[in-house]
């Protein structure tokens, strides 16, 4: 039964992932996320139902637009598959519990942020506001108003920590070391994971991002690397493993 539900969660995740791709690509450009319908960015060909099946359509169309032959970025099916996998892992981690809703909301936000930050180096405020509000409502419904206040204080602590880290980085490198979106994102990470785990997220994101950044910098003269995707990966790992600071201290 668990395998069947996991497969179902994966399929649902790929469908949402396809939509999140659109949101992440359009919002930073100020475009509507519903109009025009999904289309080829090269020839504006409106995609048919068979061209909108997550992951599968990419291979059916051989990675090209059926109308003009323009190559379709492989990033699309990767993000769809990633969202599907994360939805399935969230179910395996939390089961059908209220915390699963929080996990899916958090993952959804992160997928959009990764797409947006990857392509445009922007974490839209609208995404943070909408999902931050949804997560706050979910925390109230699950744990009560008092726990929301505690979560908000955790978020504030994570925000202040990231802001201080940015100021230190600016001083050290004599230029802007981090975008404002990363600092605001840390508020929501602290809100969901707690302030101490927010700090752990930063260090985990740095460990994940360092080798990738070194490879990227070696191949490109552009020294601007988005940190949002690494924060997303680090925070999702900690979320799905259900780690807290006490567990980490005991393991240490």
C-alpha atoms as a PDB file:
ATOM      1  CA  UNK A   1       0.000   0.000   0.000  1.00  0.00           C
ATOM      2  CA  UNK A   2       2.835   2.389   0.919  1.00  0.00           C
ATOM      3  CA  UNK A   3       4.497   1.818  -2.460  1.00  0.00           C
ATOM      4  CA  UNK A   4       1.255   2.572  -4.316  1.00  0.00           C
ATOM      5  CA  UNK A   5       0.700   5.783  -2.343  1.00  0.00           C
ATOM      6  CA  UNK A   6       4.340   6.807  -2.920  1.00  0.00           C
ATOM      7  CA  UNK A   7       3.921   6.313  -6.684  1.00  0.00           C
ATOM      8  CA  UNK A   8       0.707   8.337  -6.574  1.00  0.00           C
ATOM      9  CA  UNK A   9       2.479  11.103  -4.618  1.00  0.00           C
ATOM     10  CA  UNK A  10       5.285  11.079  -7.202  1.00  0.00           C
ATOM     11  CA  UNK A  11       2.795  11.526 -10.050  1.00  0.00           C
ATOM     12  CA  UNK A  12       0.998  14.341  -8.227  1.00  0.00           C
ATOM     13  CA  UNK A  13       4.376  15.945  -7.491  1.00  0.00           C
ATOM     14  CA  UNK A  14       5.398  15.924 -11.158  1.00  0.00           C
ATOM     15  CA  UNK A  15       2.125  17.646 -12.095  1.00  0.00           C
ATOM     16  CA  UNK A  16       2.672  20.338  -9.484  1.00  0.00           C
ATOM     17  CA  UNK A  17       6.339  20.523 -10.485  1.00  0.00           C
ATOM     18  CA  UNK A  18       5.352  21.316 -14.063  1.00  0.00           C
ATOM     19  CA  UNK A  19       3.211  24.199 -12.796  1.00  0.00           C
ATOM     20  CA  UNK A  20       5.938  25.408 -10.431  1.00  0.00           C
ATOM     21  CA  UNK A  21       8.300  25.567 -13.403  1.00  0.00           C
ATOM     22  CA  UNK A  22       5.920  28.017 -15.049  1.00  0.00           C
ATOM     23  CA  UNK A  23       5.555  30.068 -11.875  1.00  0.00           C
ATOM     24  CA  UNK A  24       9.315  30.242 -11.327  1.00  0.00           C
ATOM     25  CA  UNK A  25       9.948  31.275 -14.921  1.00  0.00           C
ATOM     26  CA  UNK A  26       7.166  33.853 -15.263  1.00  0.00           C
ATOM     27  CA  UNK A  27       6.917  35.649 -11.913  1.00  0.00           C
ATOM     28  CA  UNK A  28      10.383  37.271 -12.030  1.00  0.00           C
ATOM     29  CA  UNK A  29       9.477  38.705 -15.459  1.00  0.00           C
ATOM     30  CA  UNK A  30       6.193  40.108 -14.193  1.00  0.00           C
ATOM     31  CA  UNK A  31       4.166  37.766 -16.394  1.00  0.00           C
ATOM     32  CA  UNK A  32       0.869  36.098 -15.552  1.00  0.00           C
ATOM     33  CA  UNK A  33       1.146  32.496 -14.403  1.00  0.00           C
ATOM     34  CA  UNK A  34      -2.150  31.552 -16.083  1.00  0.00           C
ATOM     35  CA  UNK A  35      -2.150  33.515 -19.329  1.00  0.00           C
ATOM     36  CA  UNK A  36      -1.056  32.821 -21.973  1.00  0.00           C
ATOM     37  CA  UNK A  37      -1.273  29.013 -21.632  1.00  0.00           C
ATOM     38  CA  UNK A  38       1.914  26.952 -21.772  1.00  0.00           C
ATOM     39  CA  UNK A  39       3.643  27.506 -25.088  1.00  0.00           C
ATOM     40  CA  UNK A  40       6.954  27.209 -26.897  1.00  0.00           C
ATOM     41  CA  UNK A  41       9.048  30.281 -25.994  1.00  0.00           C
ATOM     42  CA  UNK A  42      10.535  30.298 -29.511  1.00  0.00           C
ATOM     43  CA  UNK A  43       7.483  30.072 -31.802  1.00  0.00           C
ATOM     44  CA  UNK A  44       4.655  30.612 -29.266  1.00  0.00           C
ATOM     45  CA  UNK A  45       3.045  27.318 -30.314  1.00  0.00           C
ATOM     46  CA  UNK A  46       0.363  26.475 -27.716  1.00  0.00           C
ATOM     47  CA  UNK A  47       1.187  23.106 -26.181  1.00  0.00           C
ATOM     48  CA  UNK A  48      -1.396  20.361 -26.597  1.00  0.00           C
ATOM     49  CA  UNK A  49      -2.476  17.958 -23.843  1.00  0.00           C
ATOM     50  CA  UNK A  50       0.001  15.315 -25.024  1.00  0.00           C
ATOM     51  CA  UNK A  51       2.800  17.890 -24.848  1.00  0.00           C
ATOM     52  CA  UNK A  52       1.993  18.768 -21.236  1.00  0.00           C
ATOM     53  CA  UNK A  53       2.454  15.358 -19.616  1.00  0.00           C
ATOM     54  CA  UNK A  54       5.206  15.837 -17.008  1.00  0.00           C
ATOM     55  CA  UNK A  55       8.533  14.161 -17.887  1.00  0.00           C
ATOM     56  CA  UNK A  56       6.946  11.839 -20.479  1.00  0.00           C
ATOM     57  CA  UNK A  57       6.174  14.592 -23.012  1.00  0.00           C
ATOM     58  CA  UNK A  58       9.832  15.625 -23.058  1.00  0.00           C
ATOM     59  CA  UNK A  59      10.849  12.181 -24.297  1.00  0.00           C
ATOM     60  CA  UNK A  60       7.844  11.777 -26.620  1.00  0.00           C
ATOM     61  CA  UNK A  61       8.824  15.053 -28.312  1.00  0.00           C
ATOM     62  CA  UNK A  62      12.508  14.027 -28.223  1.00  0.00           C
ATOM     63  CA  UNK A  63      13.380  17.189 -26.336  1.00  0.00           C
ATOM     64  CA  UNK A  64      12.190  19.467 -29.140  1.00  0.00           C
ATOM     65  CA  UNK A  65       9.176  21.606 -29.975  1.00  0.00           C
ATOM     66  CA  UNK A  66       6.948  19.707 -32.394  1.00  0.00           C
ATOM     67  CA  UNK A  67       6.109  22.904 -34.246  1.00  0.00           C
ATOM     68  CA  UNK A  68       9.471  24.611 -34.820  1.00  0.00           C
ATOM     69  CA  UNK A  69      12.008  22.013 -33.733  1.00  0.00           C
ATOM     70  CA  UNK A  70      13.566  24.278 -31.074  1.00  0.00           C
ATOM     71  CA  UNK A  71      15.295  22.323 -28.323  1.00  0.00           C
ATOM     72  CA  UNK A  72      13.492  22.146 -24.984  1.00  0.00           C
ATOM     73  CA  UNK A  73      15.681  22.626 -21.931  1.00  0.00           C
ATOM     74  CA  UNK A  74      16.353  19.399 -20.032  1.00  0.00           C
ATOM     75  CA  UNK A  75      15.839  21.443 -16.862  1.00  0.00           C
ATOM     76  CA  UNK A  76      12.053  21.114 -17.267  1.00  0.00           C
ATOM     77  CA  UNK A  77      11.824  17.318 -16.790  1.00  0.00           C
ATOM     78  CA  UNK A  78      14.538  17.459 -14.103  1.00  0.00           C
ATOM     79  CA  UNK A  79      12.516  19.858 -11.950  1.00  0.00           C
ATOM     80  CA  UNK A  80       9.321  17.879 -12.588  1.00  0.00           C
ATOM     81  CA  UNK A  81      11.016  14.650 -11.514  1.00  0.00           C
ATOM     82  CA  UNK A  82      12.624  16.370  -8.510  1.00  0.00           C
ATOM     83  CA  UNK A  83       9.276  17.676  -7.315  1.00  0.00           C
ATOM     84  CA  UNK A  84       7.693  14.252  -7.767  1.00  0.00           C
ATOM     85  CA  UNK A  85      10.492  12.559  -5.846  1.00  0.00           C
ATOM     86  CA  UNK A  86      10.328  15.094  -3.013  1.00  0.00           C
ATOM     87  CA  UNK A  87       6.549  14.717  -2.704  1.00  0.00           C
ATOM     88  CA  UNK A  88       6.994  10.946  -2.435  1.00  0.00           C
ATOM     89  CA  UNK A  89       9.798  11.289   0.125  1.00  0.00           C
ATOM     90  CA  UNK A  90       7.695  13.728   2.149  1.00  0.00           C
ATOM     91  CA  UNK A  91       4.928  11.118   2.346  1.00  0.00           C
ATOM     92  CA  UNK A  92       7.405   8.393   3.361  1.00  0.00           C
ATOM     93  CA  UNK A  93       8.823  10.704   6.033  1.00  0.00           C
ATOM     94  CA  UNK A  94       5.608  12.108   7.527  1.00  0.00           C
ATOM     95  CA  UNK A  95       2.867   9.745   6.358  1.00  0.00           C
ATOM     96  CA  UNK A  96      -0.677  11.097   6.143  1.00  0.00           C
ATOM     97  CA  UNK A  97      -0.253  13.586   8.965  1.00  0.00           C
ATOM     98  CA  UNK A  98      -0.767  17.348   9.363  1.00  0.00           C
ATOM     99  CA  UNK A  99       3.005  17.795   9.117  1.00  0.00           C
ATOM    100  CA  UNK A 100       2.864  16.354   5.594  1.00  0.00           C
ATOM    101  CA  UNK A 101       0.885  19.430   4.519  1.00  0.00           C
ATOM    102  CA  UNK A 102       3.575  21.711   5.944  1.00  0.00           C
ATOM    103  CA  UNK A 103       6.291  19.667   4.235  1.00  0.00           C
ATOM    104  CA  UNK A 104       4.555  19.756   0.844  1.00  0.00           C
ATOM    105  CA  UNK A 105       3.951  23.505   1.132  1.00  0.00           C
ATOM    106  CA  UNK A 106       7.599  24.084   2.062  1.00  0.00           C
ATOM    107  CA  UNK A 107       8.857  21.890  -0.792  1.00  0.00           C
ATOM    108  CA  UNK A 108       6.530  23.625  -3.267  1.00  0.00           C
ATOM    109  CA  UNK A 109       7.912  27.016  -2.287  1.00  0.00           C
ATOM    110  CA  UNK A 110      11.480  25.791  -2.619  1.00  0.00           C
ATOM    111  CA  UNK A 111      10.939  24.339  -6.095  1.00  0.00           C
ATOM    112  CA  UNK A 112       9.648  27.699  -7.352  1.00  0.00           C
ATOM    113  CA  UNK A 113      12.524  29.527  -5.674  1.00  0.00           C
ATOM    114  CA  UNK A 114      15.147  27.199  -7.166  1.00  0.00           C
ATOM    115  CA  UNK A 115      13.739  27.724 -10.676  1.00  0.00           C
ATOM    116  CA  UNK A 116      13.559  31.495 -10.251  1.00  0.00           C
ATOM    117  CA  UNK A 117      16.977  31.876  -8.624  1.00  0.00           C
ATOM    118  CA  UNK A 118      18.620  29.496 -11.085  1.00  0.00           C
ATOM    119  CA  UNK A 119      17.412  31.375 -14.159  1.00  0.00           C
ATOM    120  CA  UNK A 120      17.201  34.985 -12.965  1.00  0.00           C
ATOM    121  CA  UNK A 121      19.102  35.224  -9.642  1.00  0.00           C
ATOM    122  CA  UNK A 122      15.842  36.443  -8.097  1.00  0.00           C
ATOM    123  CA  UNK A 123      13.766  35.134  -5.200  1.00  0.00           C
ATOM    124  CA  UNK A 124      10.377  36.857  -5.714  1.00  0.00           C
ATOM    125  CA  UNK A 125       8.908  38.539  -2.631  1.00  0.00           C
ATOM    126  CA  UNK A 126       5.442  37.417  -3.748  1.00  0.00           C
ATOM    127  CA  UNK A 127       6.462  33.751  -3.427  1.00  0.00           C
ATOM    128  CA  UNK A 128       7.866  34.312   0.071  1.00  0.00           C
ATOM    129  CA  UNK A 129       4.781  36.250   1.188  1.00  0.00           C
ATOM    130  CA  UNK A 130       2.232  33.754  -0.176  1.00  0.00           C
ATOM    131  CA  UNK A 131       3.970  30.632   1.096  1.00  0.00           C
ATOM    132  CA  UNK A 132       5.027  32.277   4.357  1.00  0.00           C
ATOM    133  CA  UNK A 133       1.375  33.121   4.999  1.00  0.00           C
ATOM    134  CA  UNK A 134       0.231  29.598   4.093  1.00  0.00           C
ATOM    135  CA  UNK A 135       2.828  28.032   6.383  1.00  0.00           C
ATOM    136  CA  UNK A 136       1.862  30.350   9.238  1.00  0.00           C
ATOM    137  CA  UNK A 137      -1.810  29.393   8.875  1.00  0.00           C
ATOM    138  CA  UNK A 138      -0.889  25.703   8.812  1.00  0.00           C
ATOM    139  CA  UNK A 139       1.208  26.065  11.965  1.00  0.00           C
ATOM    140  CA  UNK A 140      -1.699  27.751  13.763  1.00  0.00           C
ATOM    141  CA  UNK A 141      -4.151  25.026  12.708  1.00  0.00           C
ATOM    142  CA  UNK A 142      -1.755  22.221  13.656  1.00  0.00           C
ATOM    143  CA  UNK A 143      -0.053  23.562  16.781  1.00  0.00           C
ATOM    144  CA  UNK A 144      -1.957  26.640  17.909  1.00  0.00           C
ATOM    145  CA  UNK A 145      -1.312  30.367  17.997  1.00  0.00           C
ATOM    146  CA  UNK A 146       1.297  30.168  20.763  1.00  0.00           C
ATOM    147  CA  UNK A 147       3.509  27.883  18.675  1.00  0.00           C
ATOM    148  CA  UNK A 148       3.137  30.254  15.740  1.00  0.00           C
ATOM    149  CA  UNK A 149       4.603  33.049  17.883  1.00  0.00           C
ATOM    150  CA  UNK A 150       7.528  30.790  18.784  1.00  0.00           C
ATOM    151  CA  UNK A 151       7.989  29.903  15.104  1.00  0.00           C
ATOM    152  CA  UNK A 152       7.922  33.581  14.123  1.00  0.00           C
ATOM    153  CA  UNK A 153      10.633  34.325  16.702  1.00  0.00           C
ATOM    154  CA  UNK A 154      12.674  31.448  15.264  1.00  0.00           C
ATOM    155  CA  UNK A 155      12.208  32.924  11.816  1.00  0.00           C
ATOM    156  CA  UNK A 156      13.279  36.347  13.040  1.00  0.00           C
ATOM    157  CA  UNK A 157      16.383  34.850  14.621  1.00  0.00           C
ATOM    158  CA  UNK A 158      17.321  33.097  11.366  1.00  0.00           C
ATOM    159  CA  UNK A 159      16.699  36.327   9.449  1.00  0.00           C
ATOM    160  CA  UNK A 160      18.971  38.346  11.774  1.00  0.00           C
ATOM    161  CA  UNK A 161      21.685  35.670  11.596  1.00  0.00           C
ATOM    162  CA  UNK A 162      21.628  35.717   7.784  1.00  0.00           C
ATOM    163  CA  UNK A 163      21.601  39.509   7.695  1.00  0.00           C
ATOM    164  CA  UNK A 164      24.659  39.621   9.971  1.00  0.00           C
ATOM    165  CA  UNK A 165      26.356  36.996   7.785  1.00  0.00           C
ATOM    166  CA  UNK A 166      25.697  39.111   4.702  1.00  0.00           C
ATOM    167  CA  UNK A 167      27.168  42.223   6.336  1.00  0.00           C
ATOM    168  CA  UNK A 168      30.256  40.275   7.323  1.00  0.00           C
ATOM    169  CA  UNK A 169      30.572  38.905   3.784  1.00  0.00           C
ATOM    170  CA  UNK A 170      30.156  42.396   2.290  1.00  0.00           C
ATOM    171  CA  UNK A 171      32.961  43.668   4.540  1.00  0.00           C
ATOM    172  CA  UNK A 172      35.209  40.691   3.811  1.00  0.00           C
ATOM    173  CA  UNK A 173      34.822  40.687   0.015  1.00  0.00           C
ATOM    174  CA  UNK A 174      34.320  44.449  -0.409  1.00  0.00           C
ATOM    175  CA  UNK A 175      31.179  43.854  -2.488  1.00  0.00           C
ATOM    176  CA  UNK A 176      27.675  42.496  -2.098  1.00  0.00           C
ATOM    177  CA  UNK A 177      28.100  38.924  -0.960  1.00  0.00           C
ATOM    178  CA  UNK A 178      24.477  37.836  -0.782  1.00  0.00           C
ATOM    179  CA  UNK A 179      21.112  38.880  -2.183  1.00  0.00           C
ATOM    180  CA  UNK A 180      18.256  40.193  -0.099  1.00  0.00           C
ATOM    181  CA  UNK A 181      16.078  37.277  -1.196  1.00  0.00           C
ATOM    182  CA  UNK A 182      18.356  34.792   0.579  1.00  0.00           C
ATOM    183  CA  UNK A 183      17.978  36.731   3.832  1.00  0.00           C
ATOM    184  CA  UNK A 184      14.178  36.819   3.544  1.00  0.00           C
ATOM    185  CA  UNK A 185      14.134  33.128   2.654  1.00  0.00           C
ATOM    186  CA  UNK A 186      15.978  32.376   5.879  1.00  0.00           C
ATOM    187  CA  UNK A 187      13.045  33.801   7.816  1.00  0.00           C
ATOM    188  CA  UNK A 188      10.762  31.087   6.430  1.00  0.00           C
ATOM    189  CA  UNK A 189      13.404  28.398   6.918  1.00  0.00           C
ATOM    190  CA  UNK A 190      13.668  29.434  10.571  1.00  0.00           C
ATOM    191  CA  UNK A 191       9.863  29.566  10.799  1.00  0.00           C
ATOM    192  CA  UNK A 192       9.563  25.938   9.716  1.00  0.00           C
ATOM    193  CA  UNK A 193      12.795  24.332  10.950  1.00  0.00           C
ATOM    194  CA  UNK A 194      13.632  26.556  13.984  1.00  0.00           C
ATOM    195  CA  UNK A 195      16.395  29.115  14.435  1.00  0.00           C
ATOM    196  CA  UNK A 196      19.176  26.619  15.345  1.00  0.00           C
ATOM    197  CA  UNK A 197      18.345  24.393  12.368  1.00  0.00           C
ATOM    198  CA  UNK A 198      18.293  27.500  10.182  1.00  0.00           C
ATOM    199  CA  UNK A 199      21.949  28.028  11.091  1.00  0.00           C
ATOM    200  CA  UNK A 200      22.651  24.361  10.322  1.00  0.00           C
ATOM    201  CA  UNK A 201      20.937  24.867   6.961  1.00  0.00           C
ATOM    202  CA  UNK A 202      23.356  27.683   6.063  1.00  0.00           C
ATOM    203  CA  UNK A 203      26.393  25.530   6.830  1.00  0.00           C
ATOM    204  CA  UNK A 204      24.942  22.506   5.028  1.00  0.00           C
ATOM    205  CA  UNK A 205      24.074  24.673   2.005  1.00  0.00           C
ATOM    206  CA  UNK A 206      27.637  26.014   1.998  1.00  0.00           C
ATOM    207  CA  UNK A 207      29.092  22.492   2.069  1.00  0.00           C
ATOM    208  CA  UNK A 208      26.854  21.437  -0.821  1.00  0.00           C
ATOM    209  CA  UNK A 209      27.462  24.606  -2.793  1.00  0.00           C
ATOM    210  CA  UNK A 210      31.245  24.889  -2.404  1.00  0.00           C
ATOM    211  CA  UNK A 211      32.357  22.149  -4.848  1.00  0.00           C
ATOM    212  CA  UNK A 212      29.626  23.097  -7.340  1.00  0.00           C
ATOM    213  CA  UNK A 213      30.614  26.760  -7.132  1.00  0.00           C
ATOM    214  CA  UNK A 214      34.292  25.970  -7.671  1.00  0.00           C
ATOM    215  CA  UNK A 215      33.467  23.972 -10.810  1.00  0.00           C
ATOM    216  CA  UNK A 216      31.182  26.751 -12.082  1.00  0.00           C
ATOM    217  CA  UNK A 217      33.702  29.508 -11.419  1.00  0.00           C
ATOM    218  CA  UNK A 218      36.397  27.523 -13.183  1.00  0.00           C
ATOM    219  CA  UNK A 219      34.262  27.411 -16.340  1.00  0.00           C
ATOM    220  CA  UNK A 220      32.754  30.900 -16.234  1.00  0.00           C
ATOM    221  CA  UNK A 221      33.934  34.458 -15.778  1.00  0.00           C
ATOM    222  CA  UNK A 222      30.635  35.304 -14.093  1.00  0.00           C
ATOM    223  CA  UNK A 223      31.253  35.300 -10.338  1.00  0.00           C
ATOM    224  CA  UNK A 224      27.572  35.547  -9.400  1.00  0.00           C
ATOM    225  CA  UNK A 225      26.237  32.253  -8.073  1.00  0.00           C
ATOM    226  CA  UNK A 226      22.715  31.859  -6.645  1.00  0.00           C
ATOM    227  CA  UNK A 227      22.747  30.677  -3.038  1.00  0.00           C
ATOM    228  CA  UNK A 228      18.979  30.109  -2.871  1.00  0.00           C
ATOM    229  CA  UNK A 229      19.087  26.647  -4.497  1.00  0.00           C
ATOM    230  CA  UNK A 230      21.662  25.450  -1.983  1.00  0.00           C
ATOM    231  CA  UNK A 231      19.596  26.796   0.917  1.00  0.00           C
ATOM    232  CA  UNK A 232      16.610  24.970  -0.561  1.00  0.00           C
ATOM    233  CA  UNK A 233      18.484  21.677  -0.849  1.00  0.00           C
ATOM    234  CA  UNK A 234      19.944  21.947   2.653  1.00  0.00           C
ATOM    235  CA  UNK A 235      16.645  22.857   4.300  1.00  0.00           C
ATOM    236  CA  UNK A 236      14.692  20.129   2.491  1.00  0.00           C
ATOM    237  CA  UNK A 237      17.248  17.512   3.568  1.00  0.00           C
ATOM    238  CA  UNK A 238      16.883  18.571   7.205  1.00  0.00           C
ATOM    239  CA  UNK A 239      13.088  18.719   6.886  1.00  0.00           C
ATOM    240  CA  UNK A 240      12.708  15.239   5.408  1.00  0.00           C
ATOM    241  CA  UNK A 241      15.153  13.717   7.897  1.00  0.00           C
ATOM    242  CA  UNK A 242      13.158  15.389  10.705  1.00  0.00           C
ATOM    243  CA  UNK A 243      16.372  16.442  12.396  1.00  0.00           C
ATOM    244  CA  UNK A 244      16.423  18.897  15.274  1.00  0.00           C
ATOM    245  CA  UNK A 245      19.265  20.530  17.164  1.00  0.00           C
ATOM    246  CA  UNK A 246      19.009  18.099  20.111  1.00  0.00           C
ATOM    247  CA  UNK A 247      19.397  15.116  17.778  1.00  0.00           C
ATOM    248  CA  UNK A 248      22.453  16.690  16.120  1.00  0.00           C
ATOM    249  CA  UNK A 249      24.051  17.454  19.485  1.00  0.00           C
ATOM    250  CA  UNK A 250      23.496  13.858  20.635  1.00  0.00           C
ATOM    251  CA  UNK A 251      24.966  12.526  17.373  1.00  0.00           C
ATOM    252  CA  UNK A 252      27.980  14.821  17.821  1.00  0.00           C
END
